[in-house]
């Protein structure tokens, strides 16, 4: 068994996420009790309405706390992956798992990133939409022919590509994709035009912020969103994180790379099963598990420990 941990991204959050872990496992309470940039993560995760939790500046550190808590528990059981990857903000969970930074730096980074991305979205009439087509080149052609400020933002899995940008440009691209033969388009409930050039101010701020941090070497390979691959010559973790905010997420390519590396078991860490669905469409022969609740955690640890 060769295992990769996958860390969920924004959109998977849910009310009361992580509360069962907090109540049952004292060792993870300090993670949720920490307050990055003054944010009360425990209250956000356990007590707030979903609308409040879903604000970008709140979602990102809250999801990071969940990721760190589950990872810490898995490691306490002696369960560690051979590789890791995350979807957008989930990439930070993957880097935490690989030992690049500790829990507090993880949460500080995501609180800063969430605020920067929220600020970059202010004043933009934006839209993001999932386009369903088995031909990704059709989606890219639709975006190109529509013109305007619209881009492909996420290459998630076979049959699903997310586009985003200025609202009228996205509407035009949707119409063009449907005209070319796309099956359907579904508008996404998101907090900004993420992974587009609109995020350049956030990218610049994050690049400056990470210069103040001491990142440790990777303990094992992480597959990055920007390239769909592990680090190669000249690339740095901080550089990849700055690029990622305003670049397309190549999640499908990352899954294919992990499969090439021999990964046959994927464990999704985070509320929901979004990434598990992407794996099933990209690598249908792989074993896929997810950890959303403490019950899930017990079932997954039993499998991974051979119980």
C-alpha atoms as a PDB file:
ATOM      1  CA  UNK A   1       0.000   0.000   0.000  1.00  0.00           C
ATOM      2  CA  UNK A   2       1.384   3.387  -1.022  1.00  0.00           C
ATOM      3  CA  UNK A   3      -0.659   6.205   0.495  1.00  0.00           C
ATOM      4  CA  UNK A   4      -1.213   9.882  -0.319  1.00  0.00           C
ATOM      5  CA  UNK A   5      -3.074  12.328   1.901  1.00  0.00           C
ATOM      6  CA  UNK A   6      -5.360  14.765   0.066  1.00  0.00           C
ATOM      7  CA  UNK A   7      -6.465  17.977   1.775  1.00  0.00           C
ATOM      8  CA  UNK A   8      -9.825  19.559   0.962  1.00  0.00           C
ATOM      9  CA  UNK A   9     -10.229  23.115  -0.249  1.00  0.00           C
ATOM     10  CA  UNK A  10     -12.677  25.958   0.187  1.00  0.00           C
ATOM     11  CA  UNK A  11     -16.284  24.963  -0.390  1.00  0.00           C
ATOM     12  CA  UNK A  12     -16.054  21.801   1.723  1.00  0.00           C
ATOM     13  CA  UNK A  13     -16.522  23.617   5.031  1.00  0.00           C
ATOM     14  CA  UNK A  14     -19.571  22.867   7.168  1.00  0.00           C
ATOM     15  CA  UNK A  15     -20.996  24.100  10.456  1.00  0.00           C
ATOM     16  CA  UNK A  16     -19.573  22.429  13.590  1.00  0.00           C
ATOM     17  CA  UNK A  17     -16.720  20.884  11.597  1.00  0.00           C
ATOM     18  CA  UNK A  18     -14.115  19.375  13.891  1.00  0.00           C
ATOM     19  CA  UNK A  19     -16.212  19.641  17.067  1.00  0.00           C
ATOM     20  CA  UNK A  20     -16.317  15.880  17.550  1.00  0.00           C
ATOM     21  CA  UNK A  21     -12.507  15.780  17.312  1.00  0.00           C
ATOM     22  CA  UNK A  22     -12.209  18.645  19.810  1.00  0.00           C
ATOM     23  CA  UNK A  23     -14.550  16.953  22.265  1.00  0.00           C
ATOM     24  CA  UNK A  24     -12.975  13.505  22.000  1.00  0.00           C
ATOM     25  CA  UNK A  25      -9.246  14.211  21.591  1.00  0.00           C
ATOM     26  CA  UNK A  26      -7.663  16.701  24.039  1.00  0.00           C
ATOM     27  CA  UNK A  27      -4.410  16.713  22.051  1.00  0.00           C
ATOM     28  CA  UNK A  28      -5.972  18.731  19.210  1.00  0.00           C
ATOM     29  CA  UNK A  29      -7.728  21.366  21.317  1.00  0.00           C
ATOM     30  CA  UNK A  30      -4.778  23.773  21.241  1.00  0.00           C
ATOM     31  CA  UNK A  31      -5.106  23.903  17.444  1.00  0.00           C
ATOM     32  CA  UNK A  32      -8.711  25.115  17.506  1.00  0.00           C
ATOM     33  CA  UNK A  33      -8.006  27.340  20.537  1.00  0.00           C
ATOM     34  CA  UNK A  34      -5.280  29.255  18.692  1.00  0.00           C
ATOM     35  CA  UNK A  35      -6.385  32.655  17.337  1.00  0.00           C
ATOM     36  CA  UNK A  36      -4.476  33.609  14.163  1.00  0.00           C
ATOM     37  CA  UNK A  37      -4.730  37.336  13.479  1.00  0.00           C
ATOM     38  CA  UNK A  38      -7.271  37.487  16.304  1.00  0.00           C
ATOM     39  CA  UNK A  39      -9.746  35.045  14.724  1.00  0.00           C
ATOM     40  CA  UNK A  40     -11.645  32.829  17.169  1.00  0.00           C
ATOM     41  CA  UNK A  41     -11.341  29.550  15.278  1.00  0.00           C
ATOM     42  CA  UNK A  42     -13.137  27.488  17.884  1.00  0.00           C
ATOM     43  CA  UNK A  43     -16.196  29.744  17.713  1.00  0.00           C
ATOM     44  CA  UNK A  44     -16.067  29.934  13.919  1.00  0.00           C
ATOM     45  CA  UNK A  45     -15.870  26.175  13.470  1.00  0.00           C
ATOM     46  CA  UNK A  46     -18.277  25.080  16.193  1.00  0.00           C
ATOM     47  CA  UNK A  47     -20.760  27.899  16.778  1.00  0.00           C
ATOM     48  CA  UNK A  48     -21.077  30.096  13.687  1.00  0.00           C
ATOM     49  CA  UNK A  49     -23.655  29.799  10.936  1.00  0.00           C
ATOM     50  CA  UNK A  50     -22.399  28.391   7.644  1.00  0.00           C
ATOM     51  CA  UNK A  51     -22.678  31.797   5.956  1.00  0.00           C
ATOM     52  CA  UNK A  52     -20.227  33.302   8.445  1.00  0.00           C
ATOM     53  CA  UNK A  53     -17.878  30.327   8.286  1.00  0.00           C
ATOM     54  CA  UNK A  54     -17.951  30.497   4.482  1.00  0.00           C
ATOM     55  CA  UNK A  55     -16.446  33.987   4.314  1.00  0.00           C
ATOM     56  CA  UNK A  56     -13.041  33.510   2.701  1.00  0.00           C
ATOM     57  CA  UNK A  57     -11.115  35.077   5.554  1.00  0.00           C
ATOM     58  CA  UNK A  58     -12.843  32.686   8.002  1.00  0.00           C
ATOM     59  CA  UNK A  59     -12.950  29.522   5.913  1.00  0.00           C
ATOM     60  CA  UNK A  60      -9.262  29.244   5.197  1.00  0.00           C
ATOM     61  CA  UNK A  61      -7.791  29.125   8.732  1.00  0.00           C
ATOM     62  CA  UNK A  62     -10.777  27.073   9.927  1.00  0.00           C
ATOM     63  CA  UNK A  63     -10.154  24.430   7.268  1.00  0.00           C
ATOM     64  CA  UNK A  64      -6.473  24.568   8.180  1.00  0.00           C
ATOM     65  CA  UNK A  65      -7.304  23.827  11.821  1.00  0.00           C
ATOM     66  CA  UNK A  66      -9.344  20.791  10.794  1.00  0.00           C
ATOM     67  CA  UNK A  67      -6.538  19.543   8.543  1.00  0.00           C
ATOM     68  CA  UNK A  68      -3.891  19.980  11.243  1.00  0.00           C
ATOM     69  CA  UNK A  69      -6.000  18.274  13.906  1.00  0.00           C
ATOM     70  CA  UNK A  70      -6.687  15.162  11.831  1.00  0.00           C
ATOM     71  CA  UNK A  71      -3.092  14.969  10.617  1.00  0.00           C
ATOM     72  CA  UNK A  72      -1.759  15.274  14.162  1.00  0.00           C
ATOM     73  CA  UNK A  73      -3.976  12.402  15.268  1.00  0.00           C
ATOM     74  CA  UNK A  74      -2.970  10.189  12.364  1.00  0.00           C
ATOM     75  CA  UNK A  75       0.692  10.842  13.088  1.00  0.00           C
ATOM     76  CA  UNK A  76       0.136   9.952  16.743  1.00  0.00           C
ATOM     77  CA  UNK A  77      -1.002   6.535  15.467  1.00  0.00           C
ATOM     78  CA  UNK A  78       2.180   6.192  13.416  1.00  0.00           C
ATOM     79  CA  UNK A  79       0.258   6.704  10.154  1.00  0.00           C
ATOM     80  CA  UNK A  80       2.113   8.898   7.677  1.00  0.00           C
ATOM     81  CA  UNK A  81       1.734   9.199   3.893  1.00  0.00           C
ATOM     82  CA  UNK A  82       4.334   8.754   1.181  1.00  0.00           C
ATOM     83  CA  UNK A  83       3.011  11.836  -0.634  1.00  0.00           C
ATOM     84  CA  UNK A  84       0.527  14.657  -0.072  1.00  0.00           C
ATOM     85  CA  UNK A  85      -1.467  17.119  -2.152  1.00  0.00           C
ATOM     86  CA  UNK A  86      -4.224  19.624  -1.453  1.00  0.00           C
ATOM     87  CA  UNK A  87      -6.807  21.558  -3.421  1.00  0.00           C
ATOM     88  CA  UNK A  88      -6.035  25.284  -3.306  1.00  0.00           C
ATOM     89  CA  UNK A  89      -5.910  26.163   0.422  1.00  0.00           C
ATOM     90  CA  UNK A  90      -5.614  22.414   1.049  1.00  0.00           C
ATOM     91  CA  UNK A  91      -2.068  22.655  -0.266  1.00  0.00           C
ATOM     92  CA  UNK A  92      -1.147  24.263   3.052  1.00  0.00           C
ATOM     93  CA  UNK A  93      -2.442  21.201   4.900  1.00  0.00           C
ATOM     94  CA  UNK A  94      -0.257  19.037   2.671  1.00  0.00           C
ATOM     95  CA  UNK A  95       2.786  21.180   3.471  1.00  0.00           C
ATOM     96  CA  UNK A  96       2.017  21.015   7.184  1.00  0.00           C
ATOM     97  CA  UNK A  97       1.869  17.220   6.886  1.00  0.00           C
ATOM     98  CA  UNK A  98       5.264  17.286   5.168  1.00  0.00           C
ATOM     99  CA  UNK A  99       6.804  19.261   8.035  1.00  0.00           C
ATOM    100  CA  UNK A 100       7.356  22.562   6.216  1.00  0.00           C
ATOM    101  CA  UNK A 101       5.804  24.537   9.067  1.00  0.00           C
ATOM    102  CA  UNK A 102       4.083  23.944  12.396  1.00  0.00           C
ATOM    103  CA  UNK A 103       0.437  24.381  13.336  1.00  0.00           C
ATOM    104  CA  UNK A 104       0.666  28.029  14.290  1.00  0.00           C
ATOM    105  CA  UNK A 105       2.483  29.062  11.133  1.00  0.00           C
ATOM    106  CA  UNK A 106      -0.075  27.079   9.098  1.00  0.00           C
ATOM    107  CA  UNK A 107      -2.956  28.963  10.713  1.00  0.00           C
ATOM    108  CA  UNK A 108      -1.223  32.349  10.519  1.00  0.00           C
ATOM    109  CA  UNK A 109      -0.523  31.778   6.835  1.00  0.00           C
ATOM    110  CA  UNK A 110      -4.100  30.816   6.030  1.00  0.00           C
ATOM    111  CA  UNK A 111      -5.561  33.699   8.036  1.00  0.00           C
ATOM    112  CA  UNK A 112      -3.295  36.093   6.123  1.00  0.00           C
ATOM    113  CA  UNK A 113      -4.054  34.414   2.781  1.00  0.00           C
ATOM    114  CA  UNK A 114      -7.800  34.495   3.396  1.00  0.00           C
ATOM    115  CA  UNK A 115      -7.775  38.193   4.234  1.00  0.00           C
ATOM    116  CA  UNK A 116      -5.571  39.035   1.242  1.00  0.00           C
ATOM    117  CA  UNK A 117      -7.795  37.103  -1.159  1.00  0.00           C
ATOM    118  CA  UNK A 118     -10.933  38.674   0.288  1.00  0.00           C
ATOM    119  CA  UNK A 119      -9.456  42.154  -0.136  1.00  0.00           C
ATOM    120  CA  UNK A 120      -8.427  41.376  -3.725  1.00  0.00           C
ATOM    121  CA  UNK A 121     -12.047  40.446  -4.473  1.00  0.00           C
ATOM    122  CA  UNK A 122     -13.499  43.722  -3.185  1.00  0.00           C
ATOM    123  CA  UNK A 123     -15.191  45.732  -5.914  1.00  0.00           C
ATOM    124  CA  UNK A 124     -15.065  42.939  -8.504  1.00  0.00           C
ATOM    125  CA  UNK A 125     -18.352  41.689  -9.968  1.00  0.00           C
ATOM    126  CA  UNK A 126     -17.113  38.117 -10.218  1.00  0.00           C
ATOM    127  CA  UNK A 127     -18.414  34.654 -10.955  1.00  0.00           C
ATOM    128  CA  UNK A 128     -16.989  31.147 -10.991  1.00  0.00           C
ATOM    129  CA  UNK A 129     -18.670  28.236 -12.721  1.00  0.00           C
ATOM    130  CA  UNK A 130     -18.049  24.521 -13.148  1.00  0.00           C
ATOM    131  CA  UNK A 131     -18.262  23.473 -16.780  1.00  0.00           C
ATOM    132  CA  UNK A 132     -18.999  19.815 -17.434  1.00  0.00           C
ATOM    133  CA  UNK A 133     -17.480  18.505 -20.635  1.00  0.00           C
ATOM    134  CA  UNK A 134     -15.431  15.422 -21.436  1.00  0.00           C
ATOM    135  CA  UNK A 135     -13.283  17.587 -23.722  1.00  0.00           C
ATOM    136  CA  UNK A 136     -11.221  20.076 -21.736  1.00  0.00           C
ATOM    137  CA  UNK A 137     -10.043  21.715 -24.958  1.00  0.00           C
ATOM    138  CA  UNK A 138     -13.683  22.606 -25.644  1.00  0.00           C
ATOM    139  CA  UNK A 139     -13.807  24.568 -22.389  1.00  0.00           C
ATOM    140  CA  UNK A 140     -10.512  26.292 -23.131  1.00  0.00           C
ATOM    141  CA  UNK A 141     -11.781  27.186 -26.606  1.00  0.00           C
ATOM    142  CA  UNK A 142     -15.042  28.529 -25.168  1.00  0.00           C
ATOM    143  CA  UNK A 143     -13.131  30.737 -22.737  1.00  0.00           C
ATOM    144  CA  UNK A 144     -10.825  31.962 -25.483  1.00  0.00           C
ATOM    145  CA  UNK A 145     -13.603  32.727 -27.949  1.00  0.00           C
ATOM    146  CA  UNK A 146     -15.748  34.467 -25.329  1.00  0.00           C
ATOM    147  CA  UNK A 147     -12.948  36.948 -24.647  1.00  0.00           C
ATOM    148  CA  UNK A 148     -12.869  39.364 -21.746  1.00  0.00           C
ATOM    149  CA  UNK A 149     -11.647  38.714 -18.224  1.00  0.00           C
ATOM    150  CA  UNK A 150     -12.415  35.002 -17.883  1.00  0.00           C
ATOM    151  CA  UNK A 151      -9.997  32.125 -17.356  1.00  0.00           C
ATOM    152  CA  UNK A 152      -9.859  28.409 -16.625  1.00  0.00           C
ATOM    153  CA  UNK A 153      -9.247  28.254 -12.857  1.00  0.00           C
ATOM    154  CA  UNK A 154      -9.420  24.591 -11.825  1.00  0.00           C
ATOM    155  CA  UNK A 155      -8.753  21.437 -13.811  1.00  0.00           C
ATOM    156  CA  UNK A 156     -10.358  19.181 -11.220  1.00  0.00           C
ATOM    157  CA  UNK A 157     -10.946  15.825 -12.882  1.00  0.00           C
ATOM    158  CA  UNK A 158     -12.051  14.335 -16.189  1.00  0.00           C
ATOM    159  CA  UNK A 159     -15.245  16.081 -17.226  1.00  0.00           C
ATOM    160  CA  UNK A 160     -15.043  19.061 -14.835  1.00  0.00           C
ATOM    161  CA  UNK A 161     -13.247  22.366 -15.368  1.00  0.00           C
ATOM    162  CA  UNK A 162     -13.933  25.539 -13.380  1.00  0.00           C
ATOM    163  CA  UNK A 163     -13.882  28.917 -15.089  1.00  0.00           C
ATOM    164  CA  UNK A 164     -13.909  32.296 -13.382  1.00  0.00           C
ATOM    165  CA  UNK A 165     -13.442  36.022 -13.685  1.00  0.00           C
ATOM    166  CA  UNK A 166     -15.634  39.038 -14.349  1.00  0.00           C
ATOM    167  CA  UNK A 167     -19.320  38.047 -14.296  1.00  0.00           C
ATOM    168  CA  UNK A 168     -20.387  39.058 -17.802  1.00  0.00           C
ATOM    169  CA  UNK A 169     -17.266  37.440 -19.289  1.00  0.00           C
ATOM    170  CA  UNK A 170     -17.992  34.195 -17.421  1.00  0.00           C
ATOM    171  CA  UNK A 171     -21.610  34.301 -18.609  1.00  0.00           C
ATOM    172  CA  UNK A 172     -20.368  34.677 -22.186  1.00  0.00           C
ATOM    173  CA  UNK A 173     -17.905  31.822 -21.768  1.00  0.00           C
ATOM    174  CA  UNK A 174     -20.630  29.575 -20.338  1.00  0.00           C
ATOM    175  CA  UNK A 175     -22.830  30.293 -23.355  1.00  0.00           C
ATOM    176  CA  UNK A 176     -19.954  29.607 -25.741  1.00  0.00           C
ATOM    177  CA  UNK A 177     -19.052  26.327 -23.995  1.00  0.00           C
ATOM    178  CA  UNK A 178     -22.679  25.141 -24.177  1.00  0.00           C
ATOM    179  CA  UNK A 179     -22.815  26.138 -27.838  1.00  0.00           C
ATOM    180  CA  UNK A 180     -19.688  24.065 -28.474  1.00  0.00           C
ATOM    181  CA  UNK A 181     -21.178  20.998 -26.773  1.00  0.00           C
ATOM    182  CA  UNK A 182     -20.575  21.231 -23.010  1.00  0.00           C
ATOM    183  CA  UNK A 183     -23.133  19.250 -21.011  1.00  0.00           C
ATOM    184  CA  UNK A 184     -23.949  21.929 -18.447  1.00  0.00           C
ATOM    185  CA  UNK A 185     -22.559  24.797 -16.380  1.00  0.00           C
ATOM    186  CA  UNK A 186     -23.160  25.283 -12.666  1.00  0.00           C
ATOM    187  CA  UNK A 187     -22.408  28.565 -10.883  1.00  0.00           C
ATOM    188  CA  UNK A 188     -20.336  28.086  -7.717  1.00  0.00           C
ATOM    189  CA  UNK A 189     -20.854  29.794  -4.368  1.00  0.00           C
ATOM    190  CA  UNK A 190     -17.409  31.304  -3.863  1.00  0.00           C
ATOM    191  CA  UNK A 191     -15.949  34.384  -2.217  1.00  0.00           C
ATOM    192  CA  UNK A 192     -13.955  35.753  -5.137  1.00  0.00           C
ATOM    193  CA  UNK A 193     -12.452  35.168  -8.591  1.00  0.00           C
ATOM    194  CA  UNK A 194      -9.832  32.816  -7.204  1.00  0.00           C
ATOM    195  CA  UNK A 195      -6.934  31.446  -9.259  1.00  0.00           C
ATOM    196  CA  UNK A 196      -7.248  34.243 -11.808  1.00  0.00           C
ATOM    197  CA  UNK A 197      -5.117  37.353 -12.444  1.00  0.00           C
ATOM    198  CA  UNK A 198      -7.522  39.285 -10.193  1.00  0.00           C
ATOM    199  CA  UNK A 199      -5.608  37.684  -7.315  1.00  0.00           C
ATOM    200  CA  UNK A 200      -2.296  39.362  -8.241  1.00  0.00           C
ATOM    201  CA  UNK A 201      -2.458  41.783  -5.256  1.00  0.00           C
ATOM    202  CA  UNK A 202      -3.007  38.831  -2.893  1.00  0.00           C
ATOM    203  CA  UNK A 203      -0.147  36.944  -4.535  1.00  0.00           C
ATOM    204  CA  UNK A 204       2.209  39.887  -4.002  1.00  0.00           C
ATOM    205  CA  UNK A 205       1.172  40.241  -0.351  1.00  0.00           C
ATOM    206  CA  UNK A 206       1.646  36.532   0.315  1.00  0.00           C
ATOM    207  CA  UNK A 207       5.078  36.561  -1.320  1.00  0.00           C
ATOM    208  CA  UNK A 208       6.134  39.393   0.987  1.00  0.00           C
ATOM    209  CA  UNK A 209       4.640  37.709   4.062  1.00  0.00           C
ATOM    210  CA  UNK A 210       6.349  34.369   3.465  1.00  0.00           C
ATOM    211  CA  UNK A 211       9.746  36.094   3.327  1.00  0.00           C
ATOM    212  CA  UNK A 212       9.421  36.566   7.088  1.00  0.00           C
ATOM    213  CA  UNK A 213       8.874  32.835   7.725  1.00  0.00           C
ATOM    214  CA  UNK A 214      11.311  29.982   8.160  1.00  0.00           C
ATOM    215  CA  UNK A 215      10.086  27.101   6.003  1.00  0.00           C
ATOM    216  CA  UNK A 216      11.628  23.710   6.735  1.00  0.00           C
ATOM    217  CA  UNK A 217      12.622  21.178   4.046  1.00  0.00           C
ATOM    218  CA  UNK A 218       9.929  18.758   2.899  1.00  0.00           C
ATOM    219  CA  UNK A 219       9.926  15.462   4.813  1.00  0.00           C
ATOM    220  CA  UNK A 220       8.338  13.771   1.791  1.00  0.00           C
ATOM    221  CA  UNK A 221       7.220  14.951  -1.669  1.00  0.00           C
ATOM    222  CA  UNK A 222       4.223  17.232  -2.076  1.00  0.00           C
ATOM    223  CA  UNK A 223       2.519  17.579  -5.458  1.00  0.00           C
ATOM    224  CA  UNK A 224       1.788  21.257  -6.145  1.00  0.00           C
ATOM    225  CA  UNK A 225      -1.288  22.794  -7.753  1.00  0.00           C
ATOM    226  CA  UNK A 226       0.595  25.118 -10.090  1.00  0.00           C
ATOM    227  CA  UNK A 227       2.413  22.345 -11.948  1.00  0.00           C
ATOM    228  CA  UNK A 228       0.600  19.147 -10.986  1.00  0.00           C
ATOM    229  CA  UNK A 229       3.998  17.819  -9.994  1.00  0.00           C
ATOM    230  CA  UNK A 230       6.586  17.785  -7.219  1.00  0.00           C
ATOM    231  CA  UNK A 231       9.200  20.519  -6.894  1.00  0.00           C
ATOM    232  CA  UNK A 232      11.861  20.629  -9.573  1.00  0.00           C
ATOM    233  CA  UNK A 233      15.076  22.585  -9.924  1.00  0.00           C
ATOM    234  CA  UNK A 234      14.797  26.240  -8.983  1.00  0.00           C
ATOM    235  CA  UNK A 235      11.261  25.996  -7.605  1.00  0.00           C
ATOM    236  CA  UNK A 236      10.596  26.889  -3.969  1.00  0.00           C
ATOM    237  CA  UNK A 237       7.651  26.295  -1.663  1.00  0.00           C
ATOM    238  CA  UNK A 238       7.128  30.025  -1.067  1.00  0.00           C
ATOM    239  CA  UNK A 239       7.305  30.739  -4.787  1.00  0.00           C
ATOM    240  CA  UNK A 240       4.753  28.052  -5.567  1.00  0.00           C
ATOM    241  CA  UNK A 241       2.354  29.352  -2.921  1.00  0.00           C
ATOM    242  CA  UNK A 242       2.516  32.898  -4.286  1.00  0.00           C
ATOM    243  CA  UNK A 243       1.879  31.677  -7.841  1.00  0.00           C
ATOM    244  CA  UNK A 244      -0.904  29.338  -6.789  1.00  0.00           C
ATOM    245  CA  UNK A 245      -3.313  32.101  -5.711  1.00  0.00           C
ATOM    246  CA  UNK A 246      -3.506  33.512  -9.250  1.00  0.00           C
ATOM    247  CA  UNK A 247      -2.797  30.371 -11.316  1.00  0.00           C
ATOM    248  CA  UNK A 248      -5.011  27.466 -12.410  1.00  0.00           C
ATOM    249  CA  UNK A 249      -5.211  24.527 -10.003  1.00  0.00           C
ATOM    250  CA  UNK A 250      -4.085  21.405 -11.894  1.00  0.00           C
ATOM    251  CA  UNK A 251      -5.584  18.862  -9.531  1.00  0.00           C
ATOM    252  CA  UNK A 252      -6.290  16.192 -12.140  1.00  0.00           C
ATOM    253  CA  UNK A 253      -2.692  16.357 -13.342  1.00  0.00           C
ATOM    254  CA  UNK A 254      -1.544  16.020  -9.731  1.00  0.00           C
ATOM    255  CA  UNK A 255      -3.661  12.911  -9.214  1.00  0.00           C
ATOM    256  CA  UNK A 256      -2.242  11.376 -12.371  1.00  0.00           C
ATOM    257  CA  UNK A 257       1.286  12.148 -11.191  1.00  0.00           C
ATOM    258  CA  UNK A 258       0.617  10.481  -7.840  1.00  0.00           C
ATOM    259  CA  UNK A 259      -0.705   7.426  -9.648  1.00  0.00           C
ATOM    260  CA  UNK A 260       2.476   7.322 -11.754  1.00  0.00           C
ATOM    261  CA  UNK A 261       4.465   7.437  -8.522  1.00  0.00           C
ATOM    262  CA  UNK A 262       2.702   4.269  -7.420  1.00  0.00           C
ATOM    263  CA  UNK A 263       0.075   5.662  -5.064  1.00  0.00           C
ATOM    264  CA  UNK A 264      -2.803   3.223  -4.790  1.00  0.00           C
ATOM    265  CA  UNK A 265      -4.536   4.558  -1.655  1.00  0.00           C
ATOM    266  CA  UNK A 266      -5.849   8.092  -1.172  1.00  0.00           C
ATOM    267  CA  UNK A 267      -7.080   9.520   2.137  1.00  0.00           C
ATOM    268  CA  UNK A 268      -9.094  12.723   1.884  1.00  0.00           C
ATOM    269  CA  UNK A 269      -8.775  14.914   4.991  1.00  0.00           C
ATOM    270  CA  UNK A 270     -11.464  17.530   5.358  1.00  0.00           C
ATOM    271  CA  UNK A 271     -15.219  17.844   5.537  1.00  0.00           C
ATOM    272  CA  UNK A 272     -17.071  16.166   2.685  1.00  0.00           C
ATOM    273  CA  UNK A 273     -15.993  13.888  -0.140  1.00  0.00           C
ATOM    274  CA  UNK A 274     -15.307  16.305  -2.985  1.00  0.00           C
ATOM    275  CA  UNK A 275     -11.733  15.159  -3.571  1.00  0.00           C
ATOM    276  CA  UNK A 276     -12.741  11.507  -3.246  1.00  0.00           C
ATOM    277  CA  UNK A 277     -15.073  12.078  -6.175  1.00  0.00           C
ATOM    278  CA  UNK A 278     -12.232  13.565  -8.223  1.00  0.00           C
ATOM    279  CA  UNK A 279     -10.060  10.536  -7.454  1.00  0.00           C
ATOM    280  CA  UNK A 280     -12.769   8.082  -8.511  1.00  0.00           C
ATOM    281  CA  UNK A 281     -13.067   9.820 -11.875  1.00  0.00           C
ATOM    282  CA  UNK A 282      -9.307  10.165 -12.407  1.00  0.00           C
ATOM    283  CA  UNK A 283      -7.920   6.952 -10.867  1.00  0.00           C
ATOM    284  CA  UNK A 284     -10.889   4.572 -10.642  1.00  0.00           C
ATOM    285  CA  UNK A 285      -8.835   1.566  -9.539  1.00  0.00           C
ATOM    286  CA  UNK A 286      -7.418   3.353  -6.468  1.00  0.00           C
ATOM    287  CA  UNK A 287      -8.672   2.860  -2.929  1.00  0.00           C
ATOM    288  CA  UNK A 288     -10.258   6.050  -1.600  1.00  0.00           C
ATOM    289  CA  UNK A 289     -11.118   6.911   2.005  1.00  0.00           C
ATOM    290  CA  UNK A 290     -12.134  10.153   3.669  1.00  0.00           C
ATOM    291  CA  UNK A 291     -11.976  11.576   7.175  1.00  0.00           C
ATOM    292  CA  UNK A 292     -14.791  13.957   8.034  1.00  0.00           C
ATOM    293  CA  UNK A 293     -15.827  12.703  11.495  1.00  0.00           C
ATOM    294  CA  UNK A 294     -14.280  10.822  14.405  1.00  0.00           C
ATOM    295  CA  UNK A 295     -16.112   7.708  13.214  1.00  0.00           C
ATOM    296  CA  UNK A 296     -14.416   8.093   9.824  1.00  0.00           C
ATOM    297  CA  UNK A 297     -11.104   8.545  11.608  1.00  0.00           C
ATOM    298  CA  UNK A 298     -11.449   5.301  13.507  1.00  0.00           C
ATOM    299  CA  UNK A 299     -12.450   3.367  10.376  1.00  0.00           C
ATOM    300  CA  UNK A 300      -9.559   4.767   8.317  1.00  0.00           C
ATOM    301  CA  UNK A 301      -6.939   4.179  11.017  1.00  0.00           C
ATOM    302  CA  UNK A 302      -8.129   0.584  11.364  1.00  0.00           C
ATOM    303  CA  UNK A 303      -7.655   0.033   7.624  1.00  0.00           C
ATOM    304  CA  UNK A 304      -4.285   1.771   7.416  1.00  0.00           C
ATOM    305  CA  UNK A 305      -2.964  -0.124  10.431  1.00  0.00           C
ATOM    306  CA  UNK A 306      -4.211  -3.407   8.999  1.00  0.00           C
ATOM    307  CA  UNK A 307      -6.889  -3.871  11.623  1.00  0.00           C
END
